[in-house]
Amino acid sequence: MPTRGFSNVFVRDFANPPSLRPGGQEVAAQILWRSRRDRTGIRAAYLYRIDRALPVRPMTPARRAALAKAMTARRTCPECGRDAGYVIPTSLGMCVPCFDAPALAA
């Protein structure tokens, strides 16, 4: 598999334009780099040909509703049950006022 020499390729996660998807085509090229994050120490980005790409499937009303429900759940504090207006940090597990309440009471 070639690792360079393509100018008409895109990476699936960063498609340019963003309205394309690989559509079942084979990988055209890859980019390899060393990384401390990966167990193997080597990460890869797979590149796909733009001329063979397909348009992204349109969002259905059911999928839009499911995504809205999931985002609402991510913004809802499990302690007080209020919509925090932002995604609850997983490091805290609750909204910032609920996290700070024990510290303020002491």
PDB file of N, CA and C in Angstrom:
ATOM      1  N   MET A   1       0.845  -1.169   0.000  1.00  0.00           N
ATOM      2  CA  MET A   1       0.000   0.000   0.000  1.00  0.00           C
ATOM      3  C   MET A   1       0.899   1.244   0.000  1.00  0.00           C
ATOM      4  N   PRO A   2       0.672   2.176  -0.912  1.00  0.00           N
ATOM      5  CA  PRO A   2       1.527   3.359  -0.961  1.00  0.00           C
ATOM      6  C   PRO A   2       1.312   4.249   0.257  1.00  0.00           C
ATOM      7  N   THR A   3       2.347   4.953   0.648  1.00  0.00           N
ATOM      8  CA  THR A   3       2.248   5.856   1.784  1.00  0.00           C
ATOM      9  C   THR A   3       2.359   7.319   1.379  1.00  0.00           C
ATOM     10  N   ARG A   4       2.509   7.615   0.084  1.00  0.00           N
ATOM     11  CA  ARG A   4       2.537   8.991  -0.392  1.00  0.00           C
ATOM     12  C   ARG A   4       2.238   9.011  -1.886  1.00  0.00           C
ATOM     13  N   GLY A   5       2.080  10.215  -2.430  1.00  0.00           N
ATOM     14  CA  GLY A   5       1.869  10.352  -3.858  1.00  0.00           C
ATOM     15  C   GLY A   5       0.426  10.567  -4.268  1.00  0.00           C
ATOM     16  N   PHE A   6      -0.494  10.747  -3.318  1.00  0.00           N
ATOM     17  CA  PHE A   6      -1.901  10.972  -3.640  1.00  0.00           C
ATOM     18  C   PHE A   6      -2.289  12.393  -3.261  1.00  0.00           C
ATOM     19  N   SER A   7      -2.959  13.099  -4.156  1.00  0.00           N
ATOM     20  CA  SER A   7      -3.432  14.445  -3.849  1.00  0.00           C
ATOM     21  C   SER A   7      -4.950  14.500  -3.789  1.00  0.00           C
ATOM     22  N   ASN A   8      -5.637  13.463  -4.256  1.00  0.00           N
ATOM     23  CA  ASN A   8      -7.092  13.469  -4.282  1.00  0.00           C
ATOM     24  C   ASN A   8      -7.652  12.454  -3.274  1.00  0.00           C
ATOM     25  N   VAL A   9      -7.156  12.495  -2.034  1.00  0.00           N
ATOM     26  CA  VAL A   9      -7.603  11.569  -1.004  1.00  0.00           C
ATOM     27  C   VAL A   9      -8.091  12.336   0.218  1.00  0.00           C
ATOM     28  N   PHE A  10      -8.853  11.662   1.071  1.00  0.00           N
ATOM     29  CA  PHE A  10      -9.304  12.271   2.304  1.00  0.00           C
ATOM     30  C   PHE A  10      -9.293  11.236   3.416  1.00  0.00           C
ATOM     31  N   VAL A  11      -9.195  11.711   4.648  1.00  0.00           N
ATOM     32  CA  VAL A  11      -9.278  10.865   5.829  1.00  0.00           C
ATOM     33  C   VAL A  11     -10.740  10.851   6.257  1.00  0.00           C
ATOM     34  N   ARG A  12     -11.286   9.696   6.600  1.00  0.00           N
ATOM     35  CA  ARG A  12     -12.703   9.561   6.900  1.00  0.00           C
ATOM     36  C   ARG A  12     -13.160  10.512   8.000  1.00  0.00           C
ATOM     37  N   ASP A  13     -12.391  10.635   9.092  1.00  0.00           N
ATOM     38  CA  ASP A  13     -12.807  11.473  10.204  1.00  0.00           C
ATOM     39  C   ASP A  13     -12.709  12.964   9.889  1.00  0.00           C
ATOM     40  N   PHE A  14     -11.865  13.341   8.945  1.00  0.00           N
ATOM     41  CA  PHE A  14     -11.672  14.741   8.598  1.00  0.00           C
ATOM     42  C   PHE A  14     -11.924  14.945   7.115  1.00  0.00           C
ATOM     43  N   ALA A  15     -13.052  14.464   6.645  1.00  0.00           N
ATOM     44  CA  ALA A  15     -13.379  14.537   5.220  1.00  0.00           C
ATOM     45  C   ALA A  15     -13.468  15.992   4.781  1.00  0.00           C
ATOM     46  N   ASN A  16     -12.891  16.271   3.629  1.00  0.00           N
ATOM     47  CA  ASN A  16     -12.937  17.611   3.087  1.00  0.00           C
ATOM     48  C   ASN A  16     -13.401  17.512   1.650  1.00  0.00           C
ATOM     49  N   PRO A  17     -14.568  17.820   1.289  1.00  0.00           N
ATOM     50  CA  PRO A  17     -15.609  18.420   2.107  1.00  0.00           C
ATOM     51  C   PRO A  17     -16.224  17.415   3.082  1.00  0.00           C
ATOM     52  N   PRO A  18     -16.791  17.908   4.185  1.00  0.00           N
ATOM     53  CA  PRO A  18     -17.285  17.005   5.232  1.00  0.00           C
ATOM     54  C   PRO A  18     -18.546  16.232   4.861  1.00  0.00           C
ATOM     55  N   SER A  19     -19.062  16.422   3.682  1.00  0.00           N
ATOM     56  CA  SER A  19     -20.286  15.725   3.281  1.00  0.00           C
ATOM     57  C   SER A  19     -20.001  14.444   2.498  1.00  0.00           C
ATOM     58  N   LEU A  20     -18.806  13.861   2.673  1.00  0.00           N
ATOM     59  CA  LEU A  20     -18.439  12.631   1.980  1.00  0.00           C
ATOM     60  C   LEU A  20     -18.154  11.513   2.969  1.00  0.00           C
ATOM     61  N   ARG A  21     -18.333  10.271   2.483  1.00  0.00           N
ATOM     62  CA  ARG A  21     -17.996   9.076   3.255  1.00  0.00           C
ATOM     63  C   ARG A  21     -17.310   8.097   2.312  1.00  0.00           C
ATOM     64  N   PRO A  22     -16.494   7.177   2.844  1.00  0.00           N
ATOM     65  CA  PRO A  22     -15.771   6.246   1.962  1.00  0.00           C
ATOM     66  C   PRO A  22     -16.683   5.387   1.099  1.00  0.00           C
ATOM     67  N   GLY A  23     -17.807   4.948   1.598  1.00  0.00           N
ATOM     68  CA  GLY A  23     -18.749   4.184   0.796  1.00  0.00           C
ATOM     69  C   GLY A  23     -18.277   2.799   0.419  1.00  0.00           C
ATOM     70  N   GLY A  24     -17.523   2.133   1.274  1.00  0.00           N
ATOM     71  CA  GLY A  24     -17.112   0.761   1.035  1.00  0.00           C
ATOM     72  C   GLY A  24     -15.889   0.595   0.162  1.00  0.00           C
ATOM     73  N   GLN A  25     -15.244   1.664  -0.249  1.00  0.00           N
ATOM     74  CA  GLN A  25     -14.051   1.546  -1.089  1.00  0.00           C
ATOM     75  C   GLN A  25     -12.845   1.106  -0.269  1.00  0.00           C
ATOM     76  N   GLU A  26     -11.870   0.586  -0.954  1.00  0.00           N
ATOM     77  CA  GLU A  26     -10.632   0.159  -0.309  1.00  0.00           C
ATOM     78  C   GLU A  26      -9.804   1.381   0.105  1.00  0.00           C
ATOM     79  N   VAL A  27      -8.929   1.201   1.062  1.00  0.00           N
ATOM     80  CA  VAL A  27      -8.022   2.256   1.491  1.00  0.00           C
ATOM     81  C   VAL A  27      -7.051   2.557   0.353  1.00  0.00           C
ATOM     82  N   ALA A  28      -6.893   3.845   0.004  1.00  0.00           N
ATOM     83  CA  ALA A  28      -6.006   4.237  -1.097  1.00  0.00           C
ATOM     84  C   ALA A  28      -4.570   4.431  -0.611  1.00  0.00           C
ATOM     85  N   ALA A  29      -4.406   4.924   0.598  1.00  0.00           N
ATOM     86  CA  ALA A  29      -3.071   5.168   1.159  1.00  0.00           C
ATOM     87  C   ALA A  29      -3.202   5.249   2.668  1.00  0.00           C
ATOM     88  N   GLN A  30      -2.077   5.301   3.331  1.00  0.00           N
ATOM     89  CA  GLN A  30      -2.093   5.433   4.780  1.00  0.00           C
ATOM     90  C   GLN A  30      -0.948   6.319   5.241  1.00  0.00           C
ATOM     91  N   ILE A  31      -1.154   6.926   6.392  1.00  0.00           N
ATOM     92  CA  ILE A  31      -0.107   7.717   7.030  1.00  0.00           C
ATOM     93  C   ILE A  31       0.182   7.039   8.357  1.00  0.00           C
ATOM     94  N   LEU A  32       1.438   6.715   8.605  1.00  0.00           N
ATOM     95  CA  LEU A  32       1.849   6.076   9.851  1.00  0.00           C
ATOM     96  C   LEU A  32       2.700   7.039  10.661  1.00  0.00           C
ATOM     97  N   TRP A  33       2.514   7.035  11.978  1.00  0.00           N
ATOM     98  CA  TRP A  33       3.358   7.847  12.845  1.00  0.00           C
ATOM     99  C   TRP A  33       3.486   7.187  14.208  1.00  0.00           C
ATOM    100  N   ARG A  34       4.547   7.542  14.900  1.00  0.00           N
ATOM    101  CA  ARG A  34       4.781   7.003  16.233  1.00  0.00           C
ATOM    102  C   ARG A  34       3.944   7.776  17.234  1.00  0.00           C
ATOM    103  N   SER A  35       3.415   7.052  18.213  1.00  0.00           N
ATOM    104  CA  SER A  35       2.571   7.677  19.214  1.00  0.00           C
ATOM    105  C   SER A  35       2.771   7.004  20.555  1.00  0.00           C
ATOM    106  N   ARG A  36       2.764   7.789  21.596  1.00  0.00           N
ATOM    107  CA  ARG A  36       2.845   7.235  22.948  1.00  0.00           C
ATOM    108  C   ARG A  36       1.481   6.799  23.456  1.00  0.00           C
ATOM    109  N   ARG A  37       0.413   7.233  22.802  1.00  0.00           N
ATOM    110  CA  ARG A  37      -0.950   6.899  23.221  1.00  0.00           C
ATOM    111  C   ARG A  37      -1.325   5.455  22.909  1.00  0.00           C
ATOM    112  N   ASP A  38      -0.847   4.948  21.799  1.00  0.00           N
ATOM    113  CA  ASP A  38      -1.230   3.617  21.339  1.00  0.00           C
ATOM    114  C   ASP A  38      -0.340   2.555  21.968  1.00  0.00           C
ATOM    115  N   ARG A  39      -0.918   1.380  22.271  1.00  0.00           N
ATOM    116  CA  ARG A  39      -0.141   0.283  22.868  1.00  0.00           C
ATOM    117  C   ARG A  39       0.989  -0.179  21.971  1.00  0.00           C
ATOM    118  N   THR A  40       0.728  -0.227  20.673  1.00  0.00           N
ATOM    119  CA  THR A  40       1.747  -0.705  19.741  1.00  0.00           C
ATOM    120  C   THR A  40       2.804   0.362  19.444  1.00  0.00           C
ATOM    121  N   GLY A  41       2.500   1.624  19.746  1.00  0.00           N
ATOM    122  CA  GLY A  41       3.439   2.698  19.492  1.00  0.00           C
ATOM    123  C   GLY A  41       3.336   3.289  18.104  1.00  0.00           C
ATOM    124  N   ILE A  42       2.520   2.704  17.235  1.00  0.00           N
ATOM    125  CA  ILE A  42       2.346   3.214  15.874  1.00  0.00           C
ATOM    126  C   ILE A  42       0.862   3.412  15.607  1.00  0.00           C
ATOM    127  N   ARG A  43       0.509   4.592  15.118  1.00  0.00           N
ATOM    128  CA  ARG A  43      -0.878   4.881  14.759  1.00  0.00           C
ATOM    129  C   ARG A  43      -0.968   5.052  13.254  1.00  0.00           C
ATOM    130  N   ALA A  44      -2.175   4.925  12.727  1.00  0.00           N
ATOM    131  CA  ALA A  44      -2.374   5.016  11.281  1.00  0.00           C
ATOM    132  C   ALA A  44      -3.603   5.854  10.956  1.00  0.00           C
ATOM    133  N   ALA A  45      -3.514   6.610   9.883  1.00  0.00           N
ATOM    134  CA  ALA A  45      -4.656   7.321   9.315  1.00  0.00           C
ATOM    135  C   ALA A  45      -4.845   6.778   7.909  1.00  0.00           C
ATOM    136  N   TYR A  46      -6.025   6.255   7.623  1.00  0.00           N
ATOM    137  CA  TYR A  46      -6.304   5.667   6.322  1.00  0.00           C
ATOM    138  C   TYR A  46      -6.912   6.720   5.401  1.00  0.00           C
ATOM    139  N   LEU A  47      -6.417   6.792   4.179  1.00  0.00           N
ATOM    140  CA  LEU A  47      -6.862   7.780   3.206  1.00  0.00           C
ATOM    141  C   LEU A  47      -7.699   7.099   2.122  1.00  0.00           C
ATOM    142  N   TYR A  48      -8.765   7.807   1.701  1.00  0.00           N
ATOM    143  CA  TYR A  48      -9.693   7.290   0.694  1.00  0.00           C
ATOM    144  C   TYR A  48      -9.757   8.261  -0.476  1.00  0.00           C
ATOM    145  N   ARG A  49     -10.063   7.739  -1.667  1.00  0.00           N
ATOM    146  CA  ARG A  49     -10.129   8.563  -2.870  1.00  0.00           C
ATOM    147  C   ARG A  49     -11.408   9.384  -2.886  1.00  0.00           C
ATOM    148  N   ILE A  50     -11.280  10.673  -3.195  1.00  0.00           N
ATOM    149  CA  ILE A  50     -12.433  11.570  -3.231  1.00  0.00           C
ATOM    150  C   ILE A  50     -13.344  11.247  -4.403  1.00  0.00           C
ATOM    151  N   ASP A  51     -12.769  10.879  -5.554  1.00  0.00           N
ATOM    152  CA  ASP A  51     -13.592  10.620  -6.737  1.00  0.00           C
ATOM    153  C   ASP A  51     -14.467   9.374  -6.580  1.00  0.00           C
ATOM    154  N   ARG A  52     -14.161   8.494  -5.637  1.00  0.00           N
ATOM    155  CA  ARG A  52     -14.973   7.292  -5.397  1.00  0.00           C
ATOM    156  C   ARG A  52     -15.845   7.425  -4.152  1.00  0.00           C
ATOM    157  N   ALA A  53     -15.772   8.552  -3.464  1.00  0.00           N
ATOM    158  CA  ALA A  53     -16.534   8.753  -2.234  1.00  0.00           C
ATOM    159  C   ALA A  53     -18.017   8.963  -2.546  1.00  0.00           C
ATOM    160  N   LEU A  54     -18.846   8.640  -1.580  1.00  0.00           N
ATOM    161  CA  LEU A  54     -20.289   8.807  -1.703  1.00  0.00           C
ATOM    162  C   LEU A  54     -20.749   9.912  -0.760  1.00  0.00           C
ATOM    163  N   PRO A  55     -21.895  10.535  -1.045  1.00  0.00           N
ATOM    164  CA  PRO A  55     -22.397  11.562  -0.130  1.00  0.00           C
ATOM    165  C   PRO A  55     -22.844  10.934   1.194  1.00  0.00           C
ATOM    166  N   VAL A  56     -22.768  11.718   2.257  1.00  0.00           N
ATOM    167  CA  VAL A  56     -23.201  11.269   3.574  1.00  0.00           C
ATOM    168  C   VAL A  56     -24.710  11.058   3.548  1.00  0.00           C
ATOM    169  N   ARG A  57     -25.159  10.020   4.224  1.00  0.00           N
ATOM    170  CA  ARG A  57     -26.600   9.757   4.291  1.00  0.00           C
ATOM    171  C   ARG A  57     -27.291  10.880   5.063  1.00  0.00           C
ATOM    172  N   PRO A  58     -28.487  11.284   4.634  1.00  0.00           N
ATOM    173  CA  PRO A  58     -29.174  12.374   5.335  1.00  0.00           C
ATOM    174  C   PRO A  58     -29.631  11.937   6.732  1.00  0.00           C
ATOM    175  N   MET A  59     -29.708  12.911   7.621  1.00  0.00           N
ATOM    176  CA  MET A  59     -30.151  12.662   8.991  1.00  0.00           C
ATOM    177  C   MET A  59     -31.660  12.413   8.992  1.00  0.00           C
ATOM    178  N   THR A  60     -32.080  11.304   9.584  1.00  0.00           N
ATOM    179  CA  THR A  60     -33.500  10.993   9.667  1.00  0.00           C
ATOM    180  C   THR A  60     -34.080  11.650  10.924  1.00  0.00           C
ATOM    181  N   PRO A  61     -35.381  11.894  10.953  1.00  0.00           N
ATOM    182  CA  PRO A  61     -35.990  12.479  12.160  1.00  0.00           C
ATOM    183  C   PRO A  61     -35.773  11.614  13.409  1.00  0.00           C
ATOM    184  N   ALA A  62     -35.813  10.302  13.257  1.00  0.00           N
ATOM    185  CA  ALA A  62     -35.607   9.425  14.415  1.00  0.00           C
ATOM    186  C   ALA A  62     -34.179   9.535  14.931  1.00  0.00           C
ATOM    187  N   ARG A  63     -33.223   9.588  14.033  1.00  0.00           N
ATOM    188  CA  ARG A  63     -31.828   9.712  14.460  1.00  0.00           C
ATOM    189  C   ARG A  63     -31.566  11.073  15.100  1.00  0.00           C
ATOM    190  N   ARG A  64     -32.163  12.127  14.544  1.00  0.00           N
ATOM    191  CA  ARG A  64     -32.027  13.463  15.114  1.00  0.00           C
ATOM    192  C   ARG A  64     -32.603  13.501  16.530  1.00  0.00           C
ATOM    193  N   ALA A  65     -33.753  12.857  16.728  1.00  0.00           N
ATOM    194  CA  ALA A  65     -34.373  12.818  18.059  1.00  0.00           C
ATOM    195  C   ALA A  65     -33.519  12.022  19.035  1.00  0.00           C
ATOM    196  N   ALA A  66     -32.930  10.913  18.582  1.00  0.00           N
ATOM    197  CA  ALA A  66     -32.079  10.104  19.450  1.00  0.00           C
ATOM    198  C   ALA A  66     -30.828  10.875  19.861  1.00  0.00           C
ATOM    199  N   LEU A  67     -30.228  11.612  18.935  1.00  0.00           N
ATOM    200  CA  LEU A  67     -29.052  12.413  19.269  1.00  0.00           C
ATOM    201  C   LEU A  67     -29.398  13.540  20.229  1.00  0.00           C
ATOM    202  N   ALA A  68     -30.542  14.162  20.049  1.00  0.00           N
ATOM    203  CA  ALA A  68     -30.975  15.222  20.966  1.00  0.00           C
ATOM    204  C   ALA A  68     -31.196  14.664  22.371  1.00  0.00           C
ATOM    205  N   LYS A  69     -31.786  13.481  22.453  1.00  0.00           N
ATOM    206  CA  LYS A  69     -32.018  12.844  23.754  1.00  0.00           C
ATOM    207  C   LYS A  69     -30.693  12.488  24.430  1.00  0.00           C
ATOM    208  N   ALA A  70     -29.727  11.990  23.657  1.00  0.00           N
ATOM    209  CA  ALA A  70     -28.415  11.645  24.211  1.00  0.00           C
ATOM    210  C   ALA A  70     -27.677  12.884  24.703  1.00  0.00           C
ATOM    211  N   MET A  71     -27.743  13.979  23.948  1.00  0.00           N
ATOM    212  CA  MET A  71     -27.084  15.207  24.377  1.00  0.00           C
ATOM    213  C   MET A  71     -27.743  15.797  25.616  1.00  0.00           C
ATOM    214  N   THR A  72     -29.059  15.685  25.729  1.00  0.00           N
ATOM    215  CA  THR A  72     -29.754  16.142  26.933  1.00  0.00           C
ATOM    216  C   THR A  72     -29.301  15.328  28.135  1.00  0.00           C
ATOM    217  N   ALA A  73     -29.132  14.022  27.970  1.00  0.00           N
ATOM    218  CA  ALA A  73     -28.672  13.168  29.066  1.00  0.00           C
ATOM    219  C   ALA A  73     -27.253  13.541  29.479  1.00  0.00           C
ATOM    220  N   ARG A  74     -26.409  13.924  28.536  1.00  0.00           N
ATOM    221  CA  ARG A  74     -25.033  14.310  28.871  1.00  0.00           C
ATOM    222  C   ARG A  74     -24.980  15.640  29.613  1.00  0.00           C
ATOM    223  N   ARG A  75     -25.998  16.496  29.422  1.00  0.00           N
ATOM    224  CA  ARG A  75     -26.027  17.793  30.098  1.00  0.00           C
ATOM    225  C   ARG A  75     -26.757  17.754  31.433  1.00  0.00           C
ATOM    226  N   THR A  76     -27.500  16.695  31.724  1.00  0.00           N
ATOM    227  CA  THR A  76     -28.291  16.609  32.943  1.00  0.00           C
ATOM    228  C   THR A  76     -27.443  16.088  34.097  1.00  0.00           C
ATOM    229  N   CYS A  77     -27.447  16.830  35.208  1.00  0.00           N
ATOM    230  CA  CYS A  77     -26.668  16.456  36.389  1.00  0.00           C
ATOM    231  C   CYS A  77     -27.361  15.301  37.111  1.00  0.00           C
ATOM    232  N   PRO A  78     -26.635  14.219  37.438  1.00  0.00           N
ATOM    233  CA  PRO A  78     -27.260  13.105  38.134  1.00  0.00           C
ATOM    234  C   PRO A  78     -27.581  13.421  39.598  1.00  0.00           C
ATOM    235  N   GLU A  79     -26.955  14.438  40.174  1.00  0.00           N
ATOM    236  CA  GLU A  79     -27.197  14.802  41.572  1.00  0.00           C
ATOM    237  C   GLU A  79     -28.452  15.648  41.729  1.00  0.00           C
ATOM    238  N   CYS A  80     -28.513  16.763  41.005  1.00  0.00           N
ATOM    239  CA  CYS A  80     -29.638  17.688  41.172  1.00  0.00           C
ATOM    240  C   CYS A  80     -30.703  17.542  40.091  1.00  0.00           C
ATOM    241  N   GLY A  81     -30.385  16.874  38.976  1.00  0.00           N
ATOM    242  CA  GLY A  81     -31.354  16.640  37.914  1.00  0.00           C
ATOM    243  C   GLY A  81     -31.595  17.826  37.004  1.00  0.00           C
ATOM    244  N   ARG A  82     -30.812  18.902  37.134  1.00  0.00           N
ATOM    245  CA  ARG A  82     -30.994  20.079  36.290  1.00  0.00           C
ATOM    246  C   ARG A  82     -30.144  19.976  35.027  1.00  0.00           C
ATOM    247  N   ASP A  83     -30.607  20.690  33.981  1.00  0.00           N
ATOM    248  CA  ASP A  83     -29.821  20.805  32.754  1.00  0.00           C
ATOM    249  C   ASP A  83     -28.743  21.839  33.024  1.00  0.00           C
ATOM    250  N   ALA A  84     -27.482  21.429  33.010  1.00  0.00           N
ATOM    251  CA  ALA A  84     -26.375  22.313  33.356  1.00  0.00           C
ATOM    252  C   ALA A  84     -26.076  23.322  32.258  1.00  0.00           C
ATOM    253  N   GLY A  85     -26.528  23.081  31.035  1.00  0.00           N
ATOM    254  CA  GLY A  85     -26.229  23.982  29.935  1.00  0.00           C
ATOM    255  C   GLY A  85     -24.902  23.661  29.267  1.00  0.00           C
ATOM    256  N   TYR A  86     -24.208  22.668  29.759  1.00  0.00           N
ATOM    257  CA  TYR A  86     -22.943  22.207  29.200  1.00  0.00           C
ATOM    258  C   TYR A  86     -22.836  20.714  29.467  1.00  0.00           C
ATOM    259  N   VAL A  87     -21.945  20.031  28.784  1.00  0.00           N
ATOM    260  CA  VAL A  87     -21.758  18.597  28.984  1.00  0.00           C
ATOM    261  C   VAL A  87     -21.071  18.395  30.337  1.00  0.00           C
ATOM    262  N   ILE A  88     -21.645  17.540  31.174  1.00  0.00           N
ATOM    263  CA  ILE A  88     -21.112  17.280  32.507  1.00  0.00           C
ATOM    264  C   ILE A  88     -19.735  16.627  32.366  1.00  0.00           C
ATOM    265  N   PRO A  89     -18.697  17.175  33.005  1.00  0.00           N
ATOM    266  CA  PRO A  89     -17.375  16.560  32.916  1.00  0.00           C
ATOM    267  C   PRO A  89     -17.372  15.174  33.565  1.00  0.00           C
ATOM    268  N   THR A  90     -16.811  14.204  32.882  1.00  0.00           N
ATOM    269  CA  THR A  90     -16.759  12.850  33.445  1.00  0.00           C
ATOM    270  C   THR A  90     -15.832  12.794  34.647  1.00  0.00           C
ATOM    271  N   SER A  91     -14.877  13.708  34.721  1.00  0.00           N
ATOM    272  CA  SER A  91     -13.973  13.725  35.875  1.00  0.00           C
ATOM    273  C   SER A  91     -14.697  14.135  37.149  1.00  0.00           C
ATOM    274  N   LEU A  92     -15.755  14.944  37.024  1.00  0.00           N
ATOM    275  CA  LEU A  92     -16.529  15.364  38.190  1.00  0.00           C
ATOM    276  C   LEU A  92     -17.724  14.452  38.440  1.00  0.00           C
ATOM    277  N   GLY A  93     -18.384  14.030  37.361  1.00  0.00           N
ATOM    278  CA  GLY A  93     -19.556  13.172  37.492  1.00  0.00           C
ATOM    279  C   GLY A  93     -20.815  13.919  37.880  1.00  0.00           C
ATOM    280  N   MET A  94     -20.745  15.233  37.991  1.00  0.00           N
ATOM    281  CA  MET A  94     -21.892  16.074  38.342  1.00  0.00           C
ATOM    282  C   MET A  94     -21.589  17.487  37.878  1.00  0.00           C
ATOM    283  N   CYS A  95     -22.585  18.376  37.968  1.00  0.00           N
ATOM    284  CA  CYS A  95     -22.355  19.754  37.550  1.00  0.00           C
ATOM    285  C   CYS A  95     -21.421  20.441  38.548  1.00  0.00           C
ATOM    286  N   VAL A  96     -20.838  21.539  38.134  1.00  0.00           N
ATOM    287  CA  VAL A  96     -19.856  22.235  38.961  1.00  0.00           C
ATOM    288  C   VAL A  96     -20.465  22.743  40.269  1.00  0.00           C
ATOM    289  N   PRO A  97     -21.679  23.342  40.289  1.00  0.00           N
ATOM    290  CA  PRO A  97     -22.250  23.765  41.576  1.00  0.00           C
ATOM    291  C   PRO A  97     -22.448  22.594  42.564  1.00  0.00           C
ATOM    292  N   CYS A  98     -22.875  21.433  42.081  1.00  0.00           N
ATOM    293  CA  CYS A  98     -23.035  20.270  42.966  1.00  0.00           C
ATOM    294  C   CYS A  98     -21.680  19.785  43.461  1.00  0.00           C
ATOM    295  N   PHE A  99     -20.670  19.859  42.609  1.00  0.00           N
ATOM    296  CA  PHE A  99     -19.330  19.425  42.998  1.00  0.00           C
ATOM    297  C   PHE A  99     -18.736  20.361  44.040  1.00  0.00           C
ATOM    298  N   ASP A 100     -19.008  21.665  43.892  1.00  0.00           N
ATOM    299  CA  ASP A 100     -18.458  22.656  44.821  1.00  0.00           C
ATOM    300  C   ASP A 100     -19.258  22.795  46.107  1.00  0.00           C
ATOM    301  N   ALA A 101     -20.481  22.280  46.165  1.00  0.00           N
ATOM    302  CA  ALA A 101     -21.349  22.460  47.339  1.00  0.00           C
ATOM    303  C   ALA A 101     -20.726  21.903  48.615  1.00  0.00           C
ATOM    304  N   PRO A 102     -20.137  20.684  48.656  1.00  0.00           N
ATOM    305  CA  PRO A 102     -19.525  20.200  49.898  1.00  0.00           C
ATOM    306  C   PRO A 102     -18.346  21.066  50.341  1.00  0.00           C
ATOM    307  N   ALA A 103     -17.590  21.586  49.406  1.00  0.00           N
ATOM    308  CA  ALA A 103     -16.446  22.412  49.754  1.00  0.00           C
ATOM    309  C   ALA A 103     -16.902  23.747  50.341  1.00  0.00           C
ATOM    310  N   LEU A 104     -18.007  24.294  49.831  1.00  0.00           N
ATOM    311  CA  LEU A 104     -18.534  25.568  50.330  1.00  0.00           C
ATOM    312  C   LEU A 104     -19.180  25.396  51.715  1.00  0.00           C
ATOM    313  N   ALA A 105     -19.765  24.222  51.964  1.00  0.00           N
ATOM    314  CA  ALA A 105     -20.425  23.975  53.254  1.00  0.00           C
ATOM    315  C   ALA A 105     -19.428  23.800  54.384  1.00  0.00           C
ATOM    316  N   ALA A 106     -18.214  23.369  54.073  1.00  0.00           N
ATOM    317  CA  ALA A 106     -17.220  23.120  55.120  1.00  0.00           C
ATOM    318  C   ALA A 106     -16.530  24.352  55.606  1.00  0.00           C
TER     319      ALA A 106
END
